[in-house]
Amino acid sequence: MNAQEKKILCIEDEESNYLLIKRLLKNSGFELIQVEDSLKGLELVKKQTFVLILIDINMAGLNGYETAK
């Protein structure tokens, strides 16, 4: 897997939840990229490739379900 294939996008607006995910993935070898809202996440998905996208379900604006659609 090259460096571009090792990116995980985390769309999470709660800092404590993001820090937990970051700690869990610390030694995984993946690069974790965080954005705080779905619109920013959707913009990144248009520009970059991610092997996994983690989306918070309960967010202001677009929630996780709407973002996944």
PDB file of N, CA and C in Angstrom:
ATOM      1  N   MET A   1       0.847  -1.177   0.000  1.00  0.00           N
ATOM      2  CA  MET A   1       0.000   0.000   0.000  1.00  0.00           C
ATOM      3  C   MET A   1       0.893   1.241   0.000  1.00  0.00           C
ATOM      4  N   ASN A   2       0.651   2.147  -0.946  1.00  0.00           N
ATOM      5  CA  ASN A   2       1.445   3.370  -0.945  1.00  0.00           C
ATOM      6  C   ASN A   2       0.846   4.380   0.030  1.00  0.00           C
ATOM      7  N   ALA A   3       1.539   5.504   0.203  1.00  0.00           N
ATOM      8  CA  ALA A   3       1.126   6.508   1.200  1.00  0.00           C
ATOM      9  C   ALA A   3      -0.275   7.045   0.933  1.00  0.00           C
ATOM     10  N   GLN A   4      -0.638   7.205  -0.339  1.00  0.00           N
ATOM     11  CA  GLN A   4      -1.958   7.741  -0.661  1.00  0.00           C
ATOM     12  C   GLN A   4      -3.060   6.763  -0.278  1.00  0.00           C
ATOM     13  N   GLU A   5      -2.776   5.474  -0.314  1.00  0.00           N
ATOM     14  CA  GLU A   5      -3.761   4.449   0.023  1.00  0.00           C
ATOM     15  C   GLU A   5      -3.886   4.232   1.529  1.00  0.00           C
ATOM     16  N   LYS A   6      -3.150   4.949   2.321  1.00  0.00           N
ATOM     17  CA  LYS A   6      -3.149   4.732   3.764  1.00  0.00           C
ATOM     18  C   LYS A   6      -3.816   5.880   4.524  1.00  0.00           C
ATOM     19  N   LYS A   7      -4.733   6.572   3.871  1.00  0.00           N
ATOM     20  CA  LYS A   7      -5.391   7.709   4.512  1.00  0.00           C
ATOM     21  C   LYS A   7      -6.791   7.329   4.992  1.00  0.00           C
ATOM     22  N   ILE A   8      -7.110   7.777   6.205  1.00  0.00           N
ATOM     23  CA  ILE A   8      -8.442   7.619   6.776  1.00  0.00           C
ATOM     24  C   ILE A   8      -8.985   9.009   7.057  1.00  0.00           C
ATOM     25  N   LEU A   9     -10.194   9.275   6.595  1.00  0.00           N
ATOM     26  CA  LEU A   9     -10.852  10.549   6.854  1.00  0.00           C
ATOM     27  C   LEU A   9     -11.794  10.371   8.030  1.00  0.00           C
ATOM     28  N   CYS A  10     -11.685  11.252   9.001  1.00  0.00           N
ATOM     29  CA  CYS A  10     -12.551  11.235  10.183  1.00  0.00           C
ATOM     30  C   CYS A  10     -13.358  12.535  10.195  1.00  0.00           C
ATOM     31  N   ILE A  11     -14.667  12.413   9.964  1.00  0.00           N
ATOM     32  CA  ILE A  11     -15.560  13.573  10.017  1.00  0.00           C
ATOM     33  C   ILE A  11     -16.202  13.554  11.395  1.00  0.00           C
ATOM     34  N   GLU A  12     -15.664  14.361  12.292  1.00  0.00           N
ATOM     35  CA  GLU A  12     -16.049  14.326  13.709  1.00  0.00           C
ATOM     36  C   GLU A  12     -15.975  15.723  14.291  1.00  0.00           C
ATOM     37  N   ASP A  13     -17.065  16.169  14.903  1.00  0.00           N
ATOM     38  CA  ASP A  13     -17.089  17.521  15.459  1.00  0.00           C
ATOM     39  C   ASP A  13     -16.774  17.577  16.949  1.00  0.00           C
ATOM     40  N   GLU A  14     -16.694  16.447  17.609  1.00  0.00           N
ATOM     41  CA  GLU A  14     -16.347  16.409  19.036  1.00  0.00           C
ATOM     42  C   GLU A  14     -14.871  16.044  19.190  1.00  0.00           C
ATOM     43  N   GLU A  15     -14.096  16.956  19.722  1.00  0.00           N
ATOM     44  CA  GLU A  15     -12.649  16.756  19.854  1.00  0.00           C
ATOM     45  C   GLU A  15     -12.314  15.502  20.665  1.00  0.00           C
ATOM     46  N   SER A  16     -13.051  15.239  21.744  1.00  0.00           N
ATOM     47  CA  SER A  16     -12.757  14.064  22.572  1.00  0.00           C
ATOM     48  C   SER A  16     -12.962  12.761  21.802  1.00  0.00           C
ATOM     49  N   ASN A  17     -13.978  12.711  20.944  1.00  0.00           N
ATOM     50  CA  ASN A  17     -14.194  11.512  20.123  1.00  0.00           C
ATOM     51  C   ASN A  17     -13.070  11.346  19.105  1.00  0.00           C
ATOM     52  N   TYR A  18     -12.660  12.449  18.486  1.00  0.00           N
ATOM     53  CA  TYR A  18     -11.557  12.391  17.529  1.00  0.00           C
ATOM     54  C   TYR A  18     -10.273  11.916  18.205  1.00  0.00           C
ATOM     55  N   LEU A  19      -9.990  12.429  19.394  1.00  0.00           N
ATOM     56  CA  LEU A  19      -8.770  12.021  20.097  1.00  0.00           C
ATOM     57  C   LEU A  19      -8.783  10.539  20.450  1.00  0.00           C
ATOM     58  N   LEU A  20      -9.947   9.996  20.768  1.00  0.00           N
ATOM     59  CA  LEU A  20     -10.064   8.560  21.035  1.00  0.00           C
ATOM     60  C   LEU A  20      -9.766   7.753  19.775  1.00  0.00           C
ATOM     61  N   ILE A  21     -10.339   8.148  18.670  1.00  0.00           N
ATOM     62  CA  ILE A  21     -10.080   7.462  17.401  1.00  0.00           C
ATOM     63  C   ILE A  21      -8.607   7.553  17.041  1.00  0.00           C
ATOM     64  N   LYS A  22      -8.031   8.728  17.226  1.00  0.00           N
ATOM     65  CA  LYS A  22      -6.606   8.936  16.935  1.00  0.00           C
ATOM     66  C   LYS A  22      -5.741   8.004  17.783  1.00  0.00           C
ATOM     67  N   ARG A  23      -6.077   7.878  19.064  1.00  0.00           N
ATOM     68  CA  ARG A  23      -5.309   7.000  19.952  1.00  0.00           C
ATOM     69  C   ARG A  23      -5.448   5.536  19.530  1.00  0.00           C
ATOM     70  N   LEU A  24      -6.653   5.123  19.143  1.00  0.00           N
ATOM     71  CA  LEU A  24      -6.878   3.744  18.724  1.00  0.00           C
ATOM     72  C   LEU A  24      -6.114   3.399  17.441  1.00  0.00           C
ATOM     73  N   LEU A  25      -5.953   4.369  16.561  1.00  0.00           N
ATOM     74  CA  LEU A  25      -5.287   4.132  15.284  1.00  0.00           C
ATOM     75  C   LEU A  25      -3.817   4.537  15.279  1.00  0.00           C
ATOM     76  N   LYS A  26      -3.306   4.964  16.430  1.00  0.00           N
ATOM     77  CA  LYS A  26      -1.956   5.525  16.534  1.00  0.00           C
ATOM     78  C   LYS A  26      -0.889   4.645  15.883  1.00  0.00           C
ATOM     79  N   ASN A  27      -0.904   3.381  16.122  1.00  0.00           N
ATOM     80  CA  ASN A  27       0.149   2.494  15.628  1.00  0.00           C
ATOM     81  C   ASN A  27      -0.278   1.691  14.406  1.00  0.00           C
ATOM     82  N   SER A  28      -1.331   2.121  13.738  1.00  0.00           N
ATOM     83  CA  SER A  28      -1.865   1.354  12.608  1.00  0.00           C
ATOM     84  C   SER A  28      -1.109   1.580  11.305  1.00  0.00           C
ATOM     85  N   GLY A  29      -0.350   2.663  11.231  1.00  0.00           N
ATOM     86  CA  GLY A  29       0.353   2.989   9.999  1.00  0.00           C
ATOM     87  C   GLY A  29      -0.478   3.826   9.034  1.00  0.00           C
ATOM     88  N   PHE A  30      -1.690   4.172   9.432  1.00  0.00           N
ATOM     89  CA  PHE A  30      -2.551   4.995   8.594  1.00  0.00           C
ATOM     90  C   PHE A  30      -2.439   6.460   8.992  1.00  0.00           C
ATOM     91  N   GLU A  31      -2.606   7.328   7.998  1.00  0.00           N
ATOM     92  CA  GLU A  31      -2.651   8.761   8.255  1.00  0.00           C
ATOM     93  C   GLU A  31      -4.105   9.137   8.512  1.00  0.00           C
ATOM     94  N   LEU A  32      -4.381   9.721   9.660  1.00  0.00           N
ATOM     95  CA  LEU A  32      -5.732  10.114  10.028  1.00  0.00           C
ATOM     96  C   LEU A  32      -5.907  11.602   9.776  1.00  0.00           C
ATOM     97  N   ILE A  33      -6.898  11.938   8.960  1.00  0.00           N
ATOM     98  CA  ILE A  33      -7.188  13.329   8.638  1.00  0.00           C
ATOM     99  C   ILE A  33      -8.554  13.652   9.208  1.00  0.00           C
ATOM    100  N   GLN A  34      -8.642  14.742   9.974  1.00  0.00           N
ATOM    101  CA  GLN A  34      -9.901  15.117  10.613  1.00  0.00           C
ATOM    102  C   GLN A  34     -10.449  16.407  10.046  1.00  0.00           C
ATOM    103  N   VAL A  35     -11.765  16.421   9.845  1.00  0.00           N
ATOM    104  CA  VAL A  35     -12.504  17.652   9.566  1.00  0.00           C
ATOM    105  C   VAL A  35     -13.685  17.678  10.521  1.00  0.00           C
ATOM    106  N   GLU A  36     -14.182  18.873  10.806  1.00  0.00           N
ATOM    107  CA  GLU A  36     -15.212  19.022  11.824  1.00  0.00           C
ATOM    108  C   GLU A  36     -16.630  19.089  11.277  1.00  0.00           C
ATOM    109  N   ASP A  37     -16.795  19.104   9.955  1.00  0.00           N
ATOM    110  CA  ASP A  37     -18.157  19.079   9.432  1.00  0.00           C
ATOM    111  C   ASP A  37     -18.195  18.342   8.099  1.00  0.00           C
ATOM    112  N   SER A  38     -19.380  17.904   7.739  1.00  0.00           N
ATOM    113  CA  SER A  38     -19.568  17.059   6.559  1.00  0.00           C
ATOM    114  C   SER A  38     -19.226  17.761   5.250  1.00  0.00           C
ATOM    115  N   LEU A  39     -19.531  19.040   5.148  1.00  0.00           N
ATOM    116  CA  LEU A  39     -19.237  19.752   3.898  1.00  0.00           C
ATOM    117  C   LEU A  39     -17.745  19.784   3.609  1.00  0.00           C
ATOM    118  N   LYS A  40     -16.939  20.009   4.646  1.00  0.00           N
ATOM    119  CA  LYS A  40     -15.479  19.974   4.473  1.00  0.00           C
ATOM    120  C   LYS A  40     -15.022  18.571   4.095  1.00  0.00           C
ATOM    121  N   GLY A  41     -15.648  17.576   4.696  1.00  0.00           N
ATOM    122  CA  GLY A  41     -15.320  16.186   4.382  1.00  0.00           C
ATOM    123  C   GLY A  41     -15.629  15.844   2.936  1.00  0.00           C
ATOM    124  N   LEU A  42     -16.780  16.270   2.467  1.00  0.00           N
ATOM    125  CA  LEU A  42     -17.165  16.012   1.069  1.00  0.00           C
ATOM    126  C   LEU A  42     -16.210  16.695   0.098  1.00  0.00           C
ATOM    127  N   GLU A  43     -15.755  17.881   0.431  1.00  0.00           N
ATOM    128  CA  GLU A  43     -14.773  18.576  -0.421  1.00  0.00           C
ATOM    129  C   GLU A  43     -13.466  17.792  -0.491  1.00  0.00           C
ATOM    130  N   LEU A  44     -13.015  17.251   0.647  1.00  0.00           N
ATOM    131  CA  LEU A  44     -11.773  16.463   0.652  1.00  0.00           C
ATOM    132  C   LEU A  44     -11.916  15.185  -0.170  1.00  0.00           C
ATOM    133  N   VAL A  45     -13.076  14.549  -0.083  1.00  0.00           N
ATOM    134  CA  VAL A  45     -13.302  13.303  -0.821  1.00  0.00           C
ATOM    135  C   VAL A  45     -13.226  13.536  -2.333  1.00  0.00           C
ATOM    136  N   LYS A  46     -13.571  14.717  -2.777  1.00  0.00           N
ATOM    137  CA  LYS A  46     -13.472  15.052  -4.199  1.00  0.00           C
ATOM    138  C   LYS A  46     -12.022  15.168  -4.652  1.00  0.00           C
ATOM    139  N   LYS A  47     -11.114  15.478  -3.722  1.00  0.00           N
ATOM    140  CA  LYS A  47      -9.718  15.769  -4.064  1.00  0.00           C
ATOM    141  C   LYS A  47      -8.752  14.638  -3.718  1.00  0.00           C
ATOM    142  N   GLN A  48      -9.109  13.805  -2.737  1.00  0.00           N
ATOM    143  CA  GLN A  48      -8.188  12.786  -2.244  1.00  0.00           C
ATOM    144  C   GLN A  48      -8.876  11.429  -2.170  1.00  0.00           C
ATOM    145  N   THR A  49      -8.068  10.385  -2.091  1.00  0.00           N
ATOM    146  CA  THR A  49      -8.571   9.027  -1.942  1.00  0.00           C
ATOM    147  C   THR A  49      -8.346   8.564  -0.509  1.00  0.00           C
ATOM    148  N   PHE A  50      -9.364   7.946   0.076  1.00  0.00           N
ATOM    149  CA  PHE A  50      -9.284   7.428   1.441  1.00  0.00           C
ATOM    150  C   PHE A  50      -9.653   5.948   1.434  1.00  0.00           C
ATOM    151  N   VAL A  51      -8.982   5.170   2.268  1.00  0.00           N
ATOM    152  CA  VAL A  51      -9.331   3.750   2.381  1.00  0.00           C
ATOM    153  C   VAL A  51     -10.538   3.552   3.295  1.00  0.00           C
ATOM    154  N   LEU A  52     -10.783   4.545   4.151  1.00  0.00           N
ATOM    155  CA  LEU A  52     -11.891   4.463   5.099  1.00  0.00           C
ATOM    156  C   LEU A  52     -12.336   5.872   5.455  1.00  0.00           C
ATOM    157  N   ILE A  53     -13.646   6.046   5.611  1.00  0.00           N
ATOM    158  CA  ILE A  53     -14.193   7.326   6.062  1.00  0.00           C
ATOM    159  C   ILE A  53     -15.058   7.050   7.279  1.00  0.00           C
ATOM    160  N   LEU A  54     -14.698   7.655   8.397  1.00  0.00           N
ATOM    161  CA  LEU A  54     -15.470   7.546   9.631  1.00  0.00           C
ATOM    162  C   LEU A  54     -16.293   8.819   9.771  1.00  0.00           C
ATOM    163  N   ILE A  55     -17.618   8.664   9.924  1.00  0.00           N
ATOM    164  CA  ILE A  55     -18.503   9.825   9.965  1.00  0.00           C
ATOM    165  C   ILE A  55     -19.322   9.801  11.245  1.00  0.00           C
ATOM    166  N   ASP A  56     -19.296  10.907  11.970  1.00  0.00           N
ATOM    167  CA  ASP A  56     -20.156  11.089  13.136  1.00  0.00           C
ATOM    168  C   ASP A  56     -21.601  11.169  12.646  1.00  0.00           C
ATOM    169  N   ILE A  57     -22.493  10.446  13.286  1.00  0.00           N
ATOM    170  CA  ILE A  57     -23.902  10.445  12.888  1.00  0.00           C
ATOM    171  C   ILE A  57     -24.601  11.733  13.316  1.00  0.00           C
ATOM    172  N   ASN A  58     -24.335  12.196  14.542  1.00  0.00           N
ATOM    173  CA  ASN A  58     -25.027  13.362  15.101  1.00  0.00           C
ATOM    174  C   ASN A  58     -24.178  14.621  14.987  1.00  0.00           C
ATOM    175  N   MET A  59     -24.382  15.355  13.892  1.00  0.00           N
ATOM    176  CA  MET A  59     -23.675  16.613  13.690  1.00  0.00           C
ATOM    177  C   MET A  59     -24.671  17.664  13.212  1.00  0.00           C
ATOM    178  N   ALA A  60     -24.347  18.915  13.486  1.00  0.00           N
ATOM    179  CA  ALA A  60     -25.154  20.023  12.971  1.00  0.00           C
ATOM    180  C   ALA A  60     -24.973  20.098  11.462  1.00  0.00           C
ATOM    181  N   GLY A  61     -25.931  20.654  10.775  1.00  0.00           N
ATOM    182  CA  GLY A  61     -25.847  20.723   9.322  1.00  0.00           C
ATOM    183  C   GLY A  61     -26.159  19.352   8.749  1.00  0.00           C
ATOM    184  N   LEU A  62     -25.305  18.866   7.856  1.00  0.00           N
ATOM    185  CA  LEU A  62     -25.481  17.522   7.319  1.00  0.00           C
ATOM    186  C   LEU A  62     -25.080  16.509   8.373  1.00  0.00           C
ATOM    187  N   ASN A  63     -25.981  15.598   8.711  1.00  0.00           N
ATOM    188  CA  ASN A  63     -25.591  14.552   9.664  1.00  0.00           C
ATOM    189  C   ASN A  63     -24.896  13.418   8.918  1.00  0.00           C
ATOM    190  N   GLY A  64     -24.452  12.434   9.646  1.00  0.00           N
ATOM    191  CA  GLY A  64     -23.700  11.332   9.053  1.00  0.00           C
ATOM    192  C   GLY A  64     -24.478  10.550   8.008  1.00  0.00           C
ATOM    193  N   TYR A  65     -25.768  10.336   8.238  1.00  0.00           N
ATOM    194  CA  TYR A  65     -26.595   9.626   7.267  1.00  0.00           C
ATOM    195  C   TYR A  65     -26.702  10.398   5.948  1.00  0.00           C
ATOM    196  N   GLU A  66     -26.944  11.689   6.056  1.00  0.00           N
ATOM    197  CA  GLU A  66     -27.074  12.524   4.863  1.00  0.00           C
ATOM    198  C   GLU A  66     -25.754  12.595   4.103  1.00  0.00           C
ATOM    199  N   THR A  67     -24.670  12.664   4.828  1.00  0.00           N
ATOM    200  CA  THR A  67     -23.344  12.723   4.215  1.00  0.00           C
ATOM    201  C   THR A  67     -23.045  11.441   3.452  1.00  0.00           C
ATOM    202  N   ALA A  68     -23.388  10.303   4.031  1.00  0.00           N
ATOM    203  CA  ALA A  68     -23.115   9.015   3.388  1.00  0.00           C
ATOM    204  C   ALA A  68     -23.898   8.852   2.085  1.00  0.00           C
ATOM    205  N   LYS A  69     -25.082   9.452   2.026  1.00  0.00           N
ATOM    206  CA  LYS A  69     -25.879   9.355   0.778  1.00  0.00           C
ATOM    207  C   LYS A  69     -25.166  10.089  -0.328  1.00  0.00           C
TER     208      LYS A  69
END
